Amino acid sequence: MYEDRKAQALASWHKLMEKPERHMNAQEQYEELLRLAEIYFREGFIDRTERMQLVIKATRRYAEAVEGAIAATGL
């Protein structure tokens, strides 16, 4: 049961990272990914290392979005 809940939680996290909700901008997506990683850690679904890995993935995705936005403006 625990492994099923963990797998579902991580699948939801990765789905949000790949396809954010329509109303979300990059910052909102990033904040939600961090919030979920913290919840999963507090609930015991993931350990500190796994939480850090999720934070790093979310941060990289956010940085890519910011770099893309900057490049689109021609700055």
PDB file of N, CA and C in Angstrom:
ATOM      1  N   MET A   1       0.826  -1.188   0.000  1.00  0.00           N
ATOM      2  CA  MET A   1       0.000   0.000   0.000  1.00  0.00           C
ATOM      3  C   MET A   1       0.873   1.256   0.000  1.00  0.00           C
ATOM      4  N   TYR A   2       1.869   1.300   0.858  1.00  0.00           N
ATOM      5  CA  TYR A   2       2.762   2.457   0.951  1.00  0.00           C
ATOM      6  C   TYR A   2       3.444   2.703  -0.385  1.00  0.00           C
ATOM      7  N   GLU A   3       3.970   1.651  -0.996  1.00  0.00           N
ATOM      8  CA  GLU A   3       4.680   1.800  -2.265  1.00  0.00           C
ATOM      9  C   GLU A   3       3.749   2.306  -3.361  1.00  0.00           C
ATOM     10  N   ASP A   4       2.479   1.875  -3.329  1.00  0.00           N
ATOM     11  CA  ASP A   4       1.493   2.368  -4.298  1.00  0.00           C
ATOM     12  C   ASP A   4       1.276   3.861  -4.130  1.00  0.00           C
ATOM     13  N   ARG A   5       1.133   4.317  -2.888  1.00  0.00           N
ATOM     14  CA  ARG A   5       0.911   5.747  -2.634  1.00  0.00           C
ATOM     15  C   ARG A   5       2.134   6.555  -3.031  1.00  0.00           C
ATOM     16  N   LYS A   6       3.307   6.024  -2.748  1.00  0.00           N
ATOM     17  CA  LYS A   6       4.539   6.712  -3.136  1.00  0.00           C
ATOM     18  C   LYS A   6       4.619   6.804  -4.657  1.00  0.00           C
ATOM     19  N   ALA A   7       4.344   5.713  -5.341  1.00  0.00           N
ATOM     20  CA  ALA A   7       4.398   5.704  -6.800  1.00  0.00           C
ATOM     21  C   ALA A   7       3.390   6.687  -7.388  1.00  0.00           C
ATOM     22  N   GLN A   8       2.200   6.742  -6.836  1.00  0.00           N
ATOM     23  CA  GLN A   8       1.179   7.675  -7.312  1.00  0.00           C
ATOM     24  C   GLN A   8       1.614   9.122  -7.079  1.00  0.00           C
ATOM     25  N   ALA A   9       2.169   9.385  -5.908  1.00  0.00           N
ATOM     26  CA  ALA A   9       2.621  10.735  -5.584  1.00  0.00           C
ATOM     27  C   ALA A   9       3.714  11.181  -6.554  1.00  0.00           C
ATOM     28  N   LEU A  10       4.693  10.328  -6.781  1.00  0.00           N
ATOM     29  CA  LEU A  10       5.790  10.686  -7.679  1.00  0.00           C
ATOM     30  C   LEU A  10       5.315  10.802  -9.124  1.00  0.00           C
ATOM     31  N   ALA A  11       4.373   9.973  -9.523  1.00  0.00           N
ATOM     32  CA  ALA A  11       3.813  10.075 -10.877  1.00  0.00           C
ATOM     33  C   ALA A  11       3.097  11.413 -11.052  1.00  0.00           C
ATOM     34  N   SER A  12       2.366  11.838 -10.038  1.00  0.00           N
ATOM     35  CA  SER A  12       1.674  13.133 -10.100  1.00  0.00           C
ATOM     36  C   SER A  12       2.682  14.274 -10.196  1.00  0.00           C
ATOM     37  N   TRP A  13       3.745  14.176  -9.416  1.00  0.00           N
ATOM     38  CA  TRP A  13       4.779  15.211  -9.436  1.00  0.00           C
ATOM     39  C   TRP A  13       5.392  15.322 -10.836  1.00  0.00           C
ATOM     40  N   HIS A  14       5.773  14.183 -11.403  1.00  0.00           N
ATOM     41  CA  HIS A  14       6.398  14.197 -12.726  1.00  0.00           C
ATOM     42  C   HIS A  14       5.420  14.658 -13.811  1.00  0.00           C
ATOM     43  N   LYS A  15       4.162  14.299 -13.671  1.00  0.00           N
ATOM     44  CA  LYS A  15       3.159  14.755 -14.640  1.00  0.00           C
ATOM     45  C   LYS A  15       3.048  16.274 -14.606  1.00  0.00           C
ATOM     46  N   LEU A  16       3.022  16.848 -13.411  1.00  0.00           N
ATOM     47  CA  LEU A  16       2.953  18.307 -13.283  1.00  0.00           C
ATOM     48  C   LEU A  16       4.201  18.957 -13.870  1.00  0.00           C
ATOM     49  N   MET A  17       5.340  18.322 -13.703  1.00  0.00           N
ATOM     50  CA  MET A  17       6.570  18.895 -14.241  1.00  0.00           C
ATOM     51  C   MET A  17       6.547  18.871 -15.775  1.00  0.00           C
ATOM     52  N   GLU A  18       6.033  17.796 -16.346  1.00  0.00           N
ATOM     53  CA  GLU A  18       6.000  17.677 -17.800  1.00  0.00           C
ATOM     54  C   GLU A  18       4.880  18.488 -18.440  1.00  0.00           C
ATOM     55  N   LYS A  19       3.728  18.525 -17.771  1.00  0.00           N
ATOM     56  CA  LYS A  19       2.564  19.225 -18.327  1.00  0.00           C
ATOM     57  C   LYS A  19       1.883  20.024 -17.226  1.00  0.00           C
ATOM     58  N   PRO A  20       2.327  21.254 -17.027  1.00  0.00           N
ATOM     59  CA  PRO A  20       1.689  22.074 -15.983  1.00  0.00           C
ATOM     60  C   PRO A  20       0.240  22.364 -16.345  1.00  0.00           C
ATOM     61  N   GLU A  21      -0.525  22.688 -15.334  1.00  0.00           N
ATOM     62  CA  GLU A  21      -1.904  23.064 -15.573  1.00  0.00           C
ATOM     63  C   GLU A  21      -1.928  24.309 -16.449  1.00  0.00           C
ATOM     64  N   ARG A  22      -2.958  24.450 -17.238  1.00  0.00           N
ATOM     65  CA  ARG A  22      -3.042  25.537 -18.228  1.00  0.00           C
ATOM     66  C   ARG A  22      -2.879  26.924 -17.620  1.00  0.00           C
ATOM     67  N   HIS A  23      -3.408  27.117 -16.438  1.00  0.00           N
ATOM     68  CA  HIS A  23      -3.375  28.448 -15.832  1.00  0.00           C
ATOM     69  C   HIS A  23      -2.048  28.771 -15.152  1.00  0.00           C
ATOM     70  N   MET A  24      -1.130  27.816 -15.091  1.00  0.00           N
ATOM     71  CA  MET A  24       0.130  28.008 -14.370  1.00  0.00           C
ATOM     72  C   MET A  24       1.194  28.641 -15.246  1.00  0.00           C
ATOM     73  N   ASN A  25       1.872  29.632 -14.681  1.00  0.00           N
ATOM     74  CA  ASN A  25       3.075  30.117 -15.342  1.00  0.00           C
ATOM     75  C   ASN A  25       4.261  29.338 -14.751  1.00  0.00           C
ATOM     76  N   ALA A  26       5.459  29.600 -15.237  1.00  0.00           N
ATOM     77  CA  ALA A  26       6.635  28.837 -14.811  1.00  0.00           C
ATOM     78  C   ALA A  26       6.886  28.967 -13.308  1.00  0.00           C
ATOM     79  N   GLN A  27       6.705  30.158 -12.774  1.00  0.00           N
ATOM     80  CA  GLN A  27       6.939  30.351 -11.341  1.00  0.00           C
ATOM     81  C   GLN A  27       5.927  29.581 -10.506  1.00  0.00           C
ATOM     82  N   GLU A  28       4.671  29.602 -10.900  1.00  0.00           N
ATOM     83  CA  GLU A  28       3.633  28.867 -10.165  1.00  0.00           C
ATOM     84  C   GLU A  28       3.880  27.363 -10.227  1.00  0.00           C
ATOM     85  N   GLN A  29       4.296  26.886 -11.384  1.00  0.00           N
ATOM     86  CA  GLN A  29       4.612  25.468 -11.529  1.00  0.00           C
ATOM     87  C   GLN A  29       5.769  25.098 -10.595  1.00  0.00           C
ATOM     88  N   TYR A  30       6.805  25.911 -10.589  1.00  0.00           N
ATOM     89  CA  TYR A  30       7.970  25.664  -9.744  1.00  0.00           C
ATOM     90  C   TYR A  30       7.582  25.628  -8.266  1.00  0.00           C
ATOM     91  N   GLU A  31       6.816  26.611  -7.841  1.00  0.00           N
ATOM     92  CA  GLU A  31       6.393  26.662  -6.439  1.00  0.00           C
ATOM     93  C   GLU A  31       5.548  25.446  -6.063  1.00  0.00           C
ATOM     94  N   GLU A  32       4.685  25.009  -6.967  1.00  0.00           N
ATOM     95  CA  GLU A  32       3.847  23.837  -6.686  1.00  0.00           C
ATOM     96  C   GLU A  32       4.686  22.564  -6.620  1.00  0.00           C
ATOM     97  N   LEU A  33       5.656  22.441  -7.497  1.00  0.00           N
ATOM     98  CA  LEU A  33       6.540  21.272  -7.460  1.00  0.00           C
ATOM     99  C   LEU A  33       7.320  21.221  -6.147  1.00  0.00           C
ATOM    100  N   LEU A  34       7.813  22.369  -5.695  1.00  0.00           N
ATOM    101  CA  LEU A  34       8.531  22.415  -4.418  1.00  0.00           C
ATOM    102  C   LEU A  34       7.602  22.086  -3.258  1.00  0.00           C
ATOM    103  N   ARG A  35       6.386  22.617  -3.306  1.00  0.00           N
ATOM    104  CA  ARG A  35       5.407  22.357  -2.244  1.00  0.00           C
ATOM    105  C   ARG A  35       5.090  20.865  -2.162  1.00  0.00           C
ATOM    106  N   LEU A  36       4.881  20.236  -3.312  1.00  0.00           N
ATOM    107  CA  LEU A  36       4.584  18.801  -3.323  1.00  0.00           C
ATOM    108  C   LEU A  36       5.766  17.985  -2.806  1.00  0.00           C
ATOM    109  N   ALA A  37       6.974  18.353  -3.203  1.00  0.00           N
ATOM    110  CA  ALA A  37       8.153  17.630  -2.720  1.00  0.00           C
ATOM    111  C   ALA A  37       8.236  17.708  -1.198  1.00  0.00           C
ATOM    112  N   GLU A  38       7.934  18.865  -0.645  1.00  0.00           N
ATOM    113  CA  GLU A  38       7.968  19.027   0.813  1.00  0.00           C
ATOM    114  C   GLU A  38       6.873  18.193   1.478  1.00  0.00           C
ATOM    115  N   ILE A  39       5.689  18.189   0.910  1.00  0.00           N
ATOM    116  CA  ILE A  39       4.593  17.381   1.463  1.00  0.00           C
ATOM    117  C   ILE A  39       4.962  15.904   1.432  1.00  0.00           C
ATOM    118  N   TYR A  40       5.478  15.445   0.311  1.00  0.00           N
ATOM    119  CA  TYR A  40       5.851  14.028   0.188  1.00  0.00           C
ATOM    120  C   TYR A  40       6.925  13.659   1.208  1.00  0.00           C
ATOM    121  N   PHE A  41       7.848  14.587   1.457  1.00  0.00           N
ATOM    122  CA  PHE A  41       8.886  14.342   2.455  1.00  0.00           C
ATOM    123  C   PHE A  41       8.279  14.264   3.856  1.00  0.00           C
ATOM    124  N   ARG A  42       7.438  15.236   4.200  1.00  0.00           N
ATOM    125  CA  ARG A  42       6.819  15.245   5.535  1.00  0.00           C
ATOM    126  C   ARG A  42       5.936  14.037   5.775  1.00  0.00           C
ATOM    127  N   GLU A  43       5.274  13.564   4.717  1.00  0.00           N
ATOM    128  CA  GLU A  43       4.400  12.404   4.860  1.00  0.00           C
ATOM    129  C   GLU A  43       5.170  11.087   4.816  1.00  0.00           C
ATOM    130  N   GLY A  44       6.468  11.163   4.561  1.00  0.00           N
ATOM    131  CA  GLY A  44       7.308   9.977   4.594  1.00  0.00           C
ATOM    132  C   GLY A  44       7.348   9.184   3.304  1.00  0.00           C
ATOM    133  N   PHE A  45       6.803   9.742   2.227  1.00  0.00           N
ATOM    134  CA  PHE A  45       6.840   9.042   0.947  1.00  0.00           C
ATOM    135  C   PHE A  45       8.246   9.038   0.357  1.00  0.00           C
ATOM    136  N   ILE A  46       9.004  10.109   0.632  1.00  0.00           N
ATOM    137  CA  ILE A  46      10.362  10.224   0.115  1.00  0.00           C
ATOM    138  C   ILE A  46      11.298  10.631   1.239  1.00  0.00           C
ATOM    139  N   ASP A  47      12.578  10.344   1.044  1.00  0.00           N
ATOM    140  CA  ASP A  47      13.563  10.746   2.051  1.00  0.00           C
ATOM    141  C   ASP A  47      14.222  12.059   1.616  1.00  0.00           C
ATOM    142  N   ARG A  48      15.181  12.528   2.414  1.00  0.00           N
ATOM    143  CA  ARG A  48      15.836  13.813   2.121  1.00  0.00           C
ATOM    144  C   ARG A  48      16.519  13.813   0.759  1.00  0.00           C
ATOM    145  N   THR A  49      17.160  12.722   0.424  1.00  0.00           N
ATOM    146  CA  THR A  49      17.859  12.637  -0.862  1.00  0.00           C
ATOM    147  C   THR A  49      16.872  12.725  -2.019  1.00  0.00           C
ATOM    148  N   GLU A  50      15.776  12.004  -1.913  1.00  0.00           N
ATOM    149  CA  GLU A  50      14.756  12.047  -2.970  1.00  0.00           C
ATOM    150  C   GLU A  50      14.139  13.442  -3.080  1.00  0.00           C
ATOM    151  N   ARG A  51      13.895  14.076  -1.937  1.00  0.00           N
ATOM    152  CA  ARG A  51      13.355  15.439  -1.963  1.00  0.00           C
ATOM    153  C   ARG A  51      14.337  16.366  -2.666  1.00  0.00           C
ATOM    154  N   MET A  52      15.606  16.259  -2.342  1.00  0.00           N
ATOM    155  CA  MET A  52      16.613  17.122  -2.978  1.00  0.00           C
ATOM    156  C   MET A  52      16.655  16.874  -4.484  1.00  0.00           C
ATOM    157  N   GLN A  53      16.528  15.632  -4.905  1.00  0.00           N
ATOM    158  CA  GLN A  53      16.520  15.328  -6.335  1.00  0.00           C
ATOM    159  C   GLN A  53      15.330  15.980  -7.029  1.00  0.00           C
ATOM    160  N   LEU A  54      14.159  15.961  -6.384  1.00  0.00           N
ATOM    161  CA  LEU A  54      12.984  16.611  -6.962  1.00  0.00           C
ATOM    162  C   LEU A  54      13.182  18.124  -7.031  1.00  0.00           C
ATOM    163  N   VAL A  55      13.760  18.696  -5.988  1.00  0.00           N
ATOM    164  CA  VAL A  55      14.017  20.138  -5.969  1.00  0.00           C
ATOM    165  C   VAL A  55      14.984  20.519  -7.096  1.00  0.00           C
ATOM    166  N   ILE A  56      16.010  19.726  -7.290  1.00  0.00           N
ATOM    167  CA  ILE A  56      16.981  20.005  -8.354  1.00  0.00           C
ATOM    168  C   ILE A  56      16.310  19.920  -9.719  1.00  0.00           C
ATOM    169  N   LYS A  57      15.496  18.899  -9.939  1.00  0.00           N
ATOM    170  CA  LYS A  57      14.788  18.771 -11.220  1.00  0.00           C
ATOM    171  C   LYS A  57      13.864  19.967 -11.456  1.00  0.00           C
ATOM    172  N   ALA A  58      13.126  20.356 -10.441  1.00  0.00           N
ATOM    173  CA  ALA A  58      12.203  21.483 -10.571  1.00  0.00           C
ATOM    174  C   ALA A  58      12.968  22.776 -10.837  1.00  0.00           C
ATOM    175  N   THR A  59      14.091  22.958 -10.165  1.00  0.00           N
ATOM    176  CA  THR A  59      14.895  24.164 -10.339  1.00  0.00           C
ATOM    177  C   THR A  59      15.478  24.231 -11.742  1.00  0.00           C
ATOM    178  N   ARG A  60      15.934  23.113 -12.242  1.00  0.00           N
ATOM    179  CA  ARG A  60      16.465  23.083 -13.617  1.00  0.00           C
ATOM    180  C   ARG A  60      15.368  23.431 -14.619  1.00  0.00           C
ATOM    181  N   ARG A  61      14.188  22.860 -14.425  1.00  0.00           N
ATOM    182  CA  ARG A  61      13.074  23.146 -15.339  1.00  0.00           C
ATOM    183  C   ARG A  61      12.720  24.634 -15.296  1.00  0.00           C
ATOM    184  N   TYR A  62      12.682  25.202 -14.104  1.00  0.00           N
ATOM    185  CA  TYR A  62      12.365  26.623 -13.958  1.00  0.00           C
ATOM    186  C   TYR A  62      13.440  27.485 -14.639  1.00  0.00           C
ATOM    187  N   ALA A  63      14.697  27.135 -14.434  1.00  0.00           N
ATOM    188  CA  ALA A  63      15.793  27.889 -15.064  1.00  0.00           C
ATOM    189  C   ALA A  63      15.688  27.829 -16.583  1.00  0.00           C
ATOM    190  N   GLU A  64      15.326  26.665 -17.125  1.00  0.00           N
ATOM    191  CA  GLU A  64      15.141  26.532 -18.576  1.00  0.00           C
ATOM    192  C   GLU A  64      14.013  27.435 -19.055  1.00  0.00           C
ATOM    193  N   ALA A  65      12.936  27.493 -18.295  1.00  0.00           N
ATOM    194  CA  ALA A  65      11.803  28.345 -18.678  1.00  0.00           C
ATOM    195  C   ALA A  65      12.197  29.812 -18.660  1.00  0.00           C
ATOM    196  N   VAL A  66      12.943  30.219 -17.648  1.00  0.00           N
ATOM    197  CA  VAL A  66      13.388  31.609 -17.550  1.00  0.00           C
ATOM    198  C   VAL A  66      14.355  31.930 -18.691  1.00  0.00           C
ATOM    199  N   GLU A  67      15.289  31.032 -18.957  1.00  0.00           N
ATOM    200  CA  GLU A  67      16.226  31.265 -20.046  1.00  0.00           C
ATOM    201  C   GLU A  67      15.493  31.367 -21.379  1.00  0.00           C
ATOM    202  N   GLY A  68      14.480  30.535 -21.578  1.00  0.00           N
ATOM    203  CA  GLY A  68      13.692  30.582 -22.804  1.00  0.00           C
ATOM    204  C   GLY A  68      12.945  31.891 -22.936  1.00  0.00           C
ATOM    205  N   ALA A  69      12.404  32.379 -21.837  1.00  0.00           N
ATOM    206  CA  ALA A  69      11.680  33.650 -21.854  1.00  0.00           C
ATOM    207  C   ALA A  69      12.622  34.809 -22.168  1.00  0.00           C
ATOM    208  N   ILE A  70      13.812  34.762 -21.594  1.00  0.00           N
ATOM    209  CA  ILE A  70      14.800  35.812 -21.854  1.00  0.00           C
ATOM    210  C   ILE A  70      15.228  35.761 -23.324  1.00  0.00           C
ATOM    211  N   ALA A  71      15.488  34.565 -23.826  1.00  0.00           N
ATOM    212  CA  ALA A  71      15.906  34.424 -25.220  1.00  0.00           C
ATOM    213  C   ALA A  71      14.811  34.910 -26.171  1.00  0.00           C
ATOM    214  N   ALA A  72      13.559  34.697 -25.812  1.00  0.00           N
ATOM    215  CA  ALA A  72      12.446  35.115 -26.663  1.00  0.00           C
ATOM    216  C   ALA A  72      12.347  36.635 -26.761  1.00  0.00           C
ATOM    217  N   THR A  73      12.835  37.331 -25.751  1.00  0.00           N
ATOM    218  CA  THR A  73      12.773  38.796 -25.775  1.00  0.00           C
ATOM    219  C   THR A  73      13.954  39.397 -26.541  1.00  0.00           C
ATOM    220  N   GLY A  74      14.943  38.567 -26.836  1.00  0.00           N
ATOM    221  CA  GLY A  74      16.100  39.046 -27.580  1.00  0.00           C
ATOM    222  C   GLY A  74      17.116  39.777 -26.733  1.00  0.00           C
ATOM    223  N   LEU A  75      17.040  39.622 -25.433  1.00  0.00           N
ATOM    224  CA  LEU A  75      18.009  40.293 -24.558  1.00  0.00           C
ATOM    225  C   LEU A  75      19.317  39.539 -24.483  1.00  0.00           C
TER     226      LEU A  75
END
